[in-house]
Amino acid sequence: MNNDPFQGLLENGGVRIALIGTLSILSLFLLAQTVAVAQDFGRPGVPATDTVTVNGSGQATLPPDVARVSFTVEHTAAAVSDAQAATTKQANAVLDYVAGRGVASKDVKTLSYSITPQYAYPSPCAAGGLCPVRTPKVIGYQVAESIQVTVRDLSSVGALLAGLGKLEVQNVSGPAFALDDPSAGYDAARADAIAKAKAQAALLATQLGVSLGKIVNFSESSGNYPYPVYGLGAVDARSAAAAPNVPTGENTYTASVSITYEIR
């Protein structure tokens, strides 16, 4: 008779199969861990400390494809409703003119609409006399609407400005020539900056006698640029007698990048 309980368990078929299965799973787990350790052999467990950082500045100069012109229509009257009616009438005439020049409705937007009281102030007090409290008096209201137009046919910008002058709008500003999608300019500038940074990294690695590894850090910044303004600038368009000449020029986009490489 076998008095060894462990031997008895081993002789039990179900227990023996379960034990063999457990040992097989444990073996597979240990094999997977061994492979993972082998793959990670030589890799540091902390972020790389042997690195080199290079910087690059790039730019891209591209011709504009849109021009933005803004202007104001404003009227003053004793009653708000009268000032609004006059402003609306002129603004509608201007919008009809703009649409007639082929500008799509999506390219016309109102920047602001304001109603401002107009005051009259009492005359200054006479010297040496009693001076009553001087309270300003509302004598009317000014209603102003500022509108921005995006022109896609750049050859028509001068004629548009002349037409706005004939319609007696106020405070014309622009044209601001730009890319409708400025990201195209910044993408091109970034690509130039990255190419310069990579070239600098390759040269530096040669000079230091090291090899470049993987990129472990990257950062970038894109610079703003002023829209070149030609022609009228910010003026009272009622002084415009003829279509001005408005060269479009080009816009320069800039970007800077910083790239950190592992070195070996």
C-alpha atoms as a PDB file:
ATOM      1  CA  MET A   1       0.000   0.000   0.000  1.00  0.00           C
ATOM      2  CA  ASN A   2       1.397   3.382  -0.950  1.00  0.00           C
ATOM      3  CA  ASN A   3       1.332   5.722   2.063  1.00  0.00           C
ATOM      4  CA  ASP A   4       2.891   8.721   0.211  1.00  0.00           C
ATOM      5  CA  PRO A   5       0.028  11.224  -0.447  1.00  0.00           C
ATOM      6  CA  PHE A   6       2.052  13.125  -3.069  1.00  0.00           C
ATOM      7  CA  GLN A   7       2.700   9.903  -4.975  1.00  0.00           C
ATOM      8  CA  GLY A   8      -1.001   9.258  -4.790  1.00  0.00           C
ATOM      9  CA  LEU A   9      -1.812  12.579  -6.372  1.00  0.00           C
ATOM     10  CA  LEU A  10       0.604  11.916  -9.207  1.00  0.00           C
ATOM     11  CA  GLU A  11      -1.071   8.575  -9.877  1.00  0.00           C
ATOM     12  CA  ASN A  12      -4.413  10.417 -10.238  1.00  0.00           C
ATOM     13  CA  GLY A  13      -4.878  10.990 -13.980  1.00  0.00           C
ATOM     14  CA  GLY A  14      -6.810  14.272 -13.717  1.00  0.00           C
ATOM     15  CA  VAL A  15      -4.319  15.817 -11.316  1.00  0.00           C
ATOM     16  CA  ARG A  16      -1.392  14.705 -13.483  1.00  0.00           C
ATOM     17  CA  ILE A  17      -2.928  16.321 -16.589  1.00  0.00           C
ATOM     18  CA  ALA A  18      -3.594  19.573 -14.682  1.00  0.00           C
ATOM     19  CA  LEU A  19      -0.038  19.648 -13.367  1.00  0.00           C
ATOM     20  CA  ILE A  20       1.441  19.055 -16.822  1.00  0.00           C
ATOM     21  CA  GLY A  21      -0.723  21.888 -18.228  1.00  0.00           C
ATOM     22  CA  THR A  22       0.398  24.266 -15.477  1.00  0.00           C
ATOM     23  CA  LEU A  23       4.059  23.457 -16.081  1.00  0.00           C
ATOM     24  CA  SER A  24       3.606  24.005 -19.828  1.00  0.00           C
ATOM     25  CA  ILE A  25       2.048  27.454 -19.296  1.00  0.00           C
ATOM     26  CA  LEU A  26       4.842  28.375 -16.883  1.00  0.00           C
ATOM     27  CA  SER A  27       7.444  27.288 -19.417  1.00  0.00           C
ATOM     28  CA  LEU A  28       5.866  29.398 -22.161  1.00  0.00           C
ATOM     29  CA  PHE A  29       5.763  32.420 -19.829  1.00  0.00           C
ATOM     30  CA  LEU A  30       9.437  32.030 -18.922  1.00  0.00           C
ATOM     31  CA  LEU A  31      10.321  31.674 -22.621  1.00  0.00           C
ATOM     32  CA  ALA A  32       8.446  34.894 -23.484  1.00  0.00           C
ATOM     33  CA  GLN A  33      10.195  36.745 -20.670  1.00  0.00           C
ATOM     34  CA  THR A  34      13.562  35.474 -21.867  1.00  0.00           C
ATOM     35  CA  VAL A  35      12.877  36.714 -25.401  1.00  0.00           C
ATOM     36  CA  ALA A  36      11.769  40.140 -24.106  1.00  0.00           C
ATOM     37  CA  VAL A  37      14.909  40.475 -22.013  1.00  0.00           C
ATOM     38  CA  ALA A  38      17.061  39.501 -24.973  1.00  0.00           C
ATOM     39  CA  GLN A  39      15.374  42.090 -27.164  1.00  0.00           C
ATOM     40  CA  ASP A  40      15.884  44.802 -24.562  1.00  0.00           C
ATOM     41  CA  PHE A  41      19.484  43.849 -23.913  1.00  0.00           C
ATOM     42  CA  GLY A  42      21.662  46.911 -24.297  1.00  0.00           C
ATOM     43  CA  ARG A  43      18.738  49.356 -24.124  1.00  0.00           C
ATOM     44  CA  PRO A  44      18.900  51.795 -21.224  1.00  0.00           C
ATOM     45  CA  GLY A  45      16.126  51.679 -18.662  1.00  0.00           C
ATOM     46  CA  VAL A  46      16.115  55.471 -18.308  1.00  0.00           C
ATOM     47  CA  PRO A  47      15.805  58.237 -20.903  1.00  0.00           C
ATOM     48  CA  ALA A  48      18.840  58.693 -23.097  1.00  0.00           C
ATOM     49  CA  THR A  49      21.516  60.961 -21.655  1.00  0.00           C
ATOM     50  CA  ASP A  50      23.931  60.802 -24.587  1.00  0.00           C
ATOM     51  CA  THR A  51      22.172  63.235 -26.897  1.00  0.00           C
ATOM     52  CA  VAL A  52      22.800  66.189 -29.131  1.00  0.00           C
ATOM     53  CA  THR A  53      20.325  68.969 -29.906  1.00  0.00           C
ATOM     54  CA  VAL A  54      20.323  70.982 -33.133  1.00  0.00           C
ATOM     55  CA  ASN A  55      18.220  73.940 -34.217  1.00  0.00           C
ATOM     56  CA  GLY A  56      17.047  75.036 -37.630  1.00  0.00           C
ATOM     57  CA  SER A  57      15.330  78.162 -38.924  1.00  0.00           C
ATOM     58  CA  GLY A  58      13.485  78.060 -42.221  1.00  0.00           C
ATOM     59  CA  GLN A  59      11.343  80.271 -44.362  1.00  0.00           C
ATOM     60  CA  ALA A  60       9.123  80.107 -47.392  1.00  0.00           C
ATOM     61  CA  THR A  61       8.150  82.995 -49.645  1.00  0.00           C
ATOM     62  CA  LEU A  62       4.895  82.496 -51.506  1.00  0.00           C
ATOM     63  CA  PRO A  63       2.625  84.729 -53.581  1.00  0.00           C
ATOM     64  CA  PRO A  64      -0.759  85.552 -52.002  1.00  0.00           C
ATOM     65  CA  ASP A  65      -4.002  84.181 -53.359  1.00  0.00           C
ATOM     66  CA  VAL A  66      -6.494  86.450 -51.542  1.00  0.00           C
ATOM     67  CA  ALA A  67      -6.807  90.094 -50.557  1.00  0.00           C
ATOM     68  CA  ARG A  68      -8.832  91.271 -47.567  1.00  0.00           C
ATOM     69  CA  VAL A  69     -10.369  94.732 -47.548  1.00  0.00           C
ATOM     70  CA  SER A  70     -12.349  96.163 -44.650  1.00  0.00           C
ATOM     71  CA  PHE A  71     -14.419  99.349 -44.492  1.00  0.00           C
ATOM     72  CA  THR A  72     -17.068 101.074 -42.401  1.00  0.00           C
ATOM     73  CA  VAL A  73     -20.512 102.475 -43.215  1.00  0.00           C
ATOM     74  CA  GLU A  74     -21.741 104.971 -40.620  1.00  0.00           C
ATOM     75  CA  HIS A  75     -24.507 107.557 -40.199  1.00  0.00           C
ATOM     76  CA  THR A  76     -25.637 109.859 -37.405  1.00  0.00           C
ATOM     77  CA  ALA A  77     -29.226 110.939 -36.675  1.00  0.00           C
ATOM     78  CA  ALA A  78     -31.251 112.253 -33.765  1.00  0.00           C
ATOM     79  CA  ALA A  79     -33.065 108.920 -33.443  1.00  0.00           C
ATOM     80  CA  VAL A  80     -31.414 105.529 -33.360  1.00  0.00           C
ATOM     81  CA  SER A  81     -33.888 104.112 -35.861  1.00  0.00           C
ATOM     82  CA  ASP A  82     -33.123 106.849 -38.386  1.00  0.00           C
ATOM     83  CA  ALA A  83     -29.365 106.288 -38.051  1.00  0.00           C
ATOM     84  CA  GLN A  84     -29.883 102.540 -38.447  1.00  0.00           C
ATOM     85  CA  ALA A  85     -32.057 102.977 -41.504  1.00  0.00           C
ATOM     86  CA  ALA A  86     -29.490 105.219 -43.245  1.00  0.00           C
ATOM     87  CA  THR A  87     -26.610 102.890 -42.384  1.00  0.00           C
ATOM     88  CA  THR A  88     -28.526  99.807 -43.528  1.00  0.00           C
ATOM     89  CA  LYS A  89     -29.498 101.448 -46.823  1.00  0.00           C
ATOM     90  CA  GLN A  90     -25.903 102.363 -47.680  1.00  0.00           C
ATOM     91  CA  ALA A  91     -24.518  99.039 -46.443  1.00  0.00           C
ATOM     92  CA  ASN A  92     -26.982  97.127 -48.629  1.00  0.00           C
ATOM     93  CA  ALA A  93     -25.958  99.202 -51.659  1.00  0.00           C
ATOM     94  CA  VAL A  94     -22.295  98.415 -50.971  1.00  0.00           C
ATOM     95  CA  LEU A  95     -23.007  94.706 -50.525  1.00  0.00           C
ATOM     96  CA  ASP A  96     -24.915  94.633 -53.807  1.00  0.00           C
ATOM     97  CA  TYR A  97     -21.950  96.291 -55.506  1.00  0.00           C
ATOM     98  CA  VAL A  98     -19.512  93.790 -53.996  1.00  0.00           C
ATOM     99  CA  ALA A  99     -21.683  90.849 -55.068  1.00  0.00           C
ATOM    100  CA  GLY A 100     -21.902  92.336 -58.555  1.00  0.00           C
ATOM    101  CA  ARG A 101     -18.128  92.185 -58.766  1.00  0.00           C
ATOM    102  CA  GLY A 102     -18.252  88.413 -58.290  1.00  0.00           C
ATOM    103  CA  VAL A 103     -17.441  88.230 -54.578  1.00  0.00           C
ATOM    104  CA  ALA A 104     -19.187  85.228 -53.024  1.00  0.00           C
ATOM    105  CA  SER A 105     -21.387  85.711 -49.960  1.00  0.00           C
ATOM    106  CA  LYS A 106     -19.085  83.453 -47.921  1.00  0.00           C
ATOM    107  CA  ASP A 107     -16.289  85.968 -48.491  1.00  0.00           C
ATOM    108  CA  VAL A 108     -18.198  88.884 -46.959  1.00  0.00           C
ATOM    109  CA  LYS A 109     -18.625  89.204 -43.201  1.00  0.00           C
ATOM    110  CA  THR A 110     -19.549  91.856 -40.656  1.00  0.00           C
ATOM    111  CA  LEU A 111     -16.715  92.611 -38.245  1.00  0.00           C
ATOM    112  CA  SER A 112     -18.703  94.875 -35.918  1.00  0.00           C
ATOM    113  CA  TYR A 113     -21.962  96.784 -35.534  1.00  0.00           C
ATOM    114  CA  SER A 114     -22.159  99.654 -33.062  1.00  0.00           C
ATOM    115  CA  ILE A 115     -24.616 102.291 -31.822  1.00  0.00           C
ATOM    116  CA  THR A 116     -22.860 105.192 -30.122  1.00  0.00           C
ATOM    117  CA  PRO A 117     -24.559 108.178 -28.440  1.00  0.00           C
ATOM    118  CA  GLN A 118     -23.389 111.622 -29.583  1.00  0.00           C
ATOM    119  CA  TYR A 119     -23.095 114.285 -26.877  1.00  0.00           C
ATOM    120  CA  ALA A 120     -23.128 118.068 -26.688  1.00  0.00           C
ATOM    121  CA  TYR A 121     -21.264 119.686 -23.816  1.00  0.00           C
ATOM    122  CA  PRO A 122     -22.269 123.020 -22.208  1.00  0.00           C
ATOM    123  CA  SER A 123     -20.053 126.032 -22.787  1.00  0.00           C
ATOM    124  CA  PRO A 124     -17.270 126.558 -20.230  1.00  0.00           C
ATOM    125  CA  CYS A 125     -18.116 128.715 -17.224  1.00  0.00           C
ATOM    126  CA  ALA A 126     -17.338 132.409 -17.457  1.00  0.00           C
ATOM    127  CA  ALA A 127     -14.344 133.524 -15.443  1.00  0.00           C
ATOM    128  CA  GLY A 128     -15.316 134.619 -11.947  1.00  0.00           C
ATOM    129  CA  GLY A 129     -18.947 133.560 -12.308  1.00  0.00           C
ATOM    130  CA  LEU A 130     -20.946 130.791 -10.758  1.00  0.00           C
ATOM    131  CA  CYS A 131     -20.509 127.494 -12.578  1.00  0.00           C
ATOM    132  CA  PRO A 132     -23.517 125.169 -12.567  1.00  0.00           C
ATOM    133  CA  VAL A 133     -23.153 121.453 -12.953  1.00  0.00           C
ATOM    134  CA  ARG A 134     -22.408 120.781 -16.603  1.00  0.00           C
ATOM    135  CA  THR A 135     -24.175 117.622 -17.764  1.00  0.00           C
ATOM    136  CA  PRO A 136     -23.561 116.463 -21.334  1.00  0.00           C
ATOM    137  CA  LYS A 137     -26.683 116.113 -23.441  1.00  0.00           C
ATOM    138  CA  VAL A 138     -27.372 113.353 -25.955  1.00  0.00           C
ATOM    139  CA  ILE A 139     -28.050 114.998 -29.303  1.00  0.00           C
ATOM    140  CA  GLY A 140     -28.078 111.934 -31.537  1.00  0.00           C
ATOM    141  CA  TYR A 141     -26.717 108.486 -32.277  1.00  0.00           C
ATOM    142  CA  GLN A 142     -24.082 107.167 -34.638  1.00  0.00           C
ATOM    143  CA  VAL A 143     -24.646 103.725 -36.123  1.00  0.00           C
ATOM    144  CA  ALA A 144     -21.630 102.077 -37.732  1.00  0.00           C
ATOM    145  CA  GLU A 145     -21.151  98.721 -39.450  1.00  0.00           C
ATOM    146  CA  SER A 146     -17.679  97.424 -40.308  1.00  0.00           C
ATOM    147  CA  ILE A 147     -17.439  94.861 -43.097  1.00  0.00           C
ATOM    148  CA  GLN A 148     -14.597  92.716 -44.410  1.00  0.00           C
ATOM    149  CA  VAL A 149     -14.444  91.467 -47.994  1.00  0.00           C
ATOM    150  CA  THR A 150     -12.149  88.670 -49.175  1.00  0.00           C
ATOM    151  CA  VAL A 151     -11.226  89.112 -52.846  1.00  0.00           C
ATOM    152  CA  ARG A 152      -9.939  86.070 -54.728  1.00  0.00           C
ATOM    153  CA  ASP A 153      -9.452  87.733 -58.102  1.00  0.00           C
ATOM    154  CA  LEU A 154      -6.425  89.838 -57.202  1.00  0.00           C
ATOM    155  CA  SER A 155      -6.528  91.699 -60.506  1.00  0.00           C
ATOM    156  CA  SER A 156      -9.858  93.273 -59.450  1.00  0.00           C
ATOM    157  CA  VAL A 157      -8.715  94.718 -56.115  1.00  0.00           C
ATOM    158  CA  GLY A 158      -7.961  98.189 -57.491  1.00  0.00           C
ATOM    159  CA  ALA A 159     -11.341  98.477 -59.174  1.00  0.00           C
ATOM    160  CA  LEU A 160     -13.075  97.329 -55.991  1.00  0.00           C
ATOM    161  CA  LEU A 161     -11.347 100.053 -53.978  1.00  0.00           C
ATOM    162  CA  ALA A 162     -12.347 102.680 -56.525  1.00  0.00           C
ATOM    163  CA  GLY A 163     -15.954 101.483 -56.394  1.00  0.00           C
ATOM    164  CA  LEU A 164     -16.003 101.663 -52.604  1.00  0.00           C
ATOM    165  CA  GLY A 165     -14.809 105.250 -52.848  1.00  0.00           C
ATOM    166  CA  LYS A 166     -17.685 106.160 -55.173  1.00  0.00           C
ATOM    167  CA  LEU A 167     -20.119 104.623 -52.706  1.00  0.00           C
ATOM    168  CA  GLU A 168     -18.675 106.894 -50.004  1.00  0.00           C
ATOM    169  CA  VAL A 169     -17.787 104.289 -47.422  1.00  0.00           C
ATOM    170  CA  GLN A 170     -15.469 105.320 -44.601  1.00  0.00           C
ATOM    171  CA  ASN A 171     -12.245 104.020 -43.104  1.00  0.00           C
ATOM    172  CA  VAL A 172     -11.084 101.660 -45.823  1.00  0.00           C
ATOM    173  CA  SER A 173      -8.298  99.389 -44.558  1.00  0.00           C
ATOM    174  CA  GLY A 174      -6.211  97.126 -46.750  1.00  0.00           C
ATOM    175  CA  PRO A 175      -5.792  95.361 -49.005  1.00  0.00           C
ATOM    176  CA  ALA A 176      -4.093  92.722 -46.882  1.00  0.00           C
ATOM    177  CA  PHE A 177      -2.616  90.167 -49.279  1.00  0.00           C
ATOM    178  CA  ALA A 178      -2.288  86.653 -47.872  1.00  0.00           C
ATOM    179  CA  LEU A 179      -2.704  82.947 -48.455  1.00  0.00           C
ATOM    180  CA  ASP A 180      -6.256  81.822 -47.848  1.00  0.00           C
ATOM    181  CA  ASP A 181      -4.775  78.776 -46.096  1.00  0.00           C
ATOM    182  CA  PRO A 182      -1.692  80.090 -44.250  1.00  0.00           C
ATOM    183  CA  SER A 183      -0.781  76.574 -43.072  1.00  0.00           C
ATOM    184  CA  ALA A 184       0.648  75.893 -46.545  1.00  0.00           C
ATOM    185  CA  GLY A 185       3.203  78.648 -45.972  1.00  0.00           C
ATOM    186  CA  TYR A 186       4.052  77.456 -42.477  1.00  0.00           C
ATOM    187  CA  ASP A 187       4.336  73.831 -43.647  1.00  0.00           C
ATOM    188  CA  ALA A 188       6.846  74.862 -46.290  1.00  0.00           C
ATOM    189  CA  ALA A 189       8.806  76.949 -43.777  1.00  0.00           C
ATOM    190  CA  ARG A 190       8.854  74.049 -41.293  1.00  0.00           C
ATOM    191  CA  ALA A 191      10.123  71.635 -43.940  1.00  0.00           C
ATOM    192  CA  ASP A 192      12.958  74.054 -44.711  1.00  0.00           C
ATOM    193  CA  ALA A 193      13.794  74.370 -41.004  1.00  0.00           C
ATOM    194  CA  ILE A 194      13.830  70.573 -40.500  1.00  0.00           C
ATOM    195  CA  ALA A 195      16.081  70.061 -43.520  1.00  0.00           C
ATOM    196  CA  LYS A 196      18.550  72.615 -42.150  1.00  0.00           C
ATOM    197  CA  ALA A 197      18.483  71.061 -38.681  1.00  0.00           C
ATOM    198  CA  LYS A 198      19.131  67.575 -40.114  1.00  0.00           C
ATOM    199  CA  ALA A 199      22.044  68.880 -42.164  1.00  0.00           C
ATOM    200  CA  GLN A 200      23.495  70.512 -39.060  1.00  0.00           C
ATOM    201  CA  ALA A 201      23.079  67.285 -37.080  1.00  0.00           C
ATOM    202  CA  ALA A 202      24.872  65.242 -39.751  1.00  0.00           C
ATOM    203  CA  LEU A 203      27.763  67.713 -39.861  1.00  0.00           C
ATOM    204  CA  LEU A 204      28.028  67.816 -36.081  1.00  0.00           C
ATOM    205  CA  ALA A 205      28.041  64.020 -35.831  1.00  0.00           C
ATOM    206  CA  THR A 206      30.901  63.857 -38.338  1.00  0.00           C
ATOM    207  CA  GLN A 207      32.889  66.465 -36.457  1.00  0.00           C
ATOM    208  CA  LEU A 208      32.327  64.728 -33.106  1.00  0.00           C
ATOM    209  CA  GLY A 209      32.999  61.254 -34.487  1.00  0.00           C
ATOM    210  CA  VAL A 210      29.674  59.849 -33.327  1.00  0.00           C
ATOM    211  CA  SER A 211      26.658  58.271 -34.965  1.00  0.00           C
ATOM    212  CA  LEU A 212      23.149  59.665 -34.796  1.00  0.00           C
ATOM    213  CA  GLY A 213      20.467  57.477 -33.276  1.00  0.00           C
ATOM    214  CA  LYS A 214      16.751  57.957 -33.066  1.00  0.00           C
ATOM    215  CA  ILE A 215      15.060  61.326 -32.467  1.00  0.00           C
ATOM    216  CA  VAL A 216      14.075  61.610 -28.806  1.00  0.00           C
ATOM    217  CA  ASN A 217      12.632  65.133 -28.783  1.00  0.00           C
ATOM    218  CA  PHE A 218      11.229  67.681 -31.226  1.00  0.00           C
ATOM    219  CA  SER A 219       9.738  71.145 -30.856  1.00  0.00           C
ATOM    220  CA  GLU A 220       8.803  73.912 -33.254  1.00  0.00           C
ATOM    221  CA  SER A 221       7.531  77.459 -33.407  1.00  0.00           C
ATOM    222  CA  SER A 222       6.039  79.344 -36.346  1.00  0.00           C
ATOM    223  CA  GLY A 223       6.577  83.066 -36.692  1.00  0.00           C
ATOM    224  CA  ASN A 224       3.878  85.568 -37.544  1.00  0.00           C
ATOM    225  CA  TYR A 225       4.393  87.929 -40.434  1.00  0.00           C
ATOM    226  CA  PRO A 226       2.915  91.314 -41.238  1.00  0.00           C
ATOM    227  CA  TYR A 227       0.598  91.460 -44.222  1.00  0.00           C
ATOM    228  CA  PRO A 228       2.141  93.782 -46.785  1.00  0.00           C
ATOM    229  CA  VAL A 229      -0.240  96.673 -47.384  1.00  0.00           C
ATOM    230  CA  TYR A 230      -0.155  98.589 -50.636  1.00  0.00           C
ATOM    231  CA  GLY A 231      -2.337 101.209 -52.199  1.00  0.00           C
ATOM    232  CA  LEU A 232      -4.787 103.105 -50.035  1.00  0.00           C
ATOM    233  CA  GLY A 233      -3.952 101.751 -46.623  1.00  0.00           C
ATOM    234  CA  ALA A 234      -6.349 103.106 -44.004  1.00  0.00           C
ATOM    235  CA  VAL A 235      -7.946 106.180 -45.531  1.00  0.00           C
ATOM    236  CA  ASP A 236     -11.301 107.788 -46.196  1.00  0.00           C
ATOM    237  CA  ALA A 237     -12.263 106.122 -49.474  1.00  0.00           C
ATOM    238  CA  ARG A 238     -14.266 109.181 -50.584  1.00  0.00           C
ATOM    239  CA  SER A 239     -10.952 110.682 -51.704  1.00  0.00           C
ATOM    240  CA  ALA A 240     -10.412 107.877 -54.237  1.00  0.00           C
ATOM    241  CA  ALA A 241     -11.009 109.201 -57.732  1.00  0.00           C
ATOM    242  CA  ALA A 242      -9.623 106.319 -59.803  1.00  0.00           C
ATOM    243  CA  ALA A 243      -8.695 102.672 -59.436  1.00  0.00           C
ATOM    244  CA  PRO A 244      -5.379 102.568 -57.552  1.00  0.00           C
ATOM    245  CA  ASN A 245      -2.471 100.360 -58.532  1.00  0.00           C
ATOM    246  CA  VAL A 246      -2.070  97.716 -55.810  1.00  0.00           C
ATOM    247  CA  PRO A 247       0.917  95.360 -56.295  1.00  0.00           C
ATOM    248  CA  THR A 248       0.377  92.047 -54.512  1.00  0.00           C
ATOM    249  CA  GLY A 249       3.989  91.272 -53.614  1.00  0.00           C
ATOM    250  CA  GLU A 250       4.814  88.105 -51.706  1.00  0.00           C
ATOM    251  CA  ASN A 251       4.570  86.947 -48.098  1.00  0.00           C
ATOM    252  CA  THR A 252       7.352  85.290 -46.145  1.00  0.00           C
ATOM    253  CA  TYR A 253       6.527  82.594 -43.590  1.00  0.00           C
ATOM    254  CA  THR A 254       9.068  81.557 -40.956  1.00  0.00           C
ATOM    255  CA  ALA A 255       9.472  78.569 -38.652  1.00  0.00           C
ATOM    256  CA  SER A 256      12.061  77.325 -36.157  1.00  0.00           C
ATOM    257  CA  VAL A 257      12.595  73.746 -34.990  1.00  0.00           C
ATOM    258  CA  SER A 258      14.681  71.990 -32.358  1.00  0.00           C
ATOM    259  CA  ILE A 259      15.585  68.290 -32.762  1.00  0.00           C
ATOM    260  CA  THR A 260      17.312  66.096 -30.178  1.00  0.00           C
ATOM    261  CA  TYR A 261      19.083  62.899 -31.331  1.00  0.00           C
ATOM    262  CA  GLU A 262      20.573  60.002 -29.421  1.00  0.00           C
ATOM    263  CA  ILE A 263      24.274  59.636 -30.221  1.00  0.00           C
ATOM    264  CA  ARG A 264      26.393  56.500 -30.178  1.00  0.00           C
END
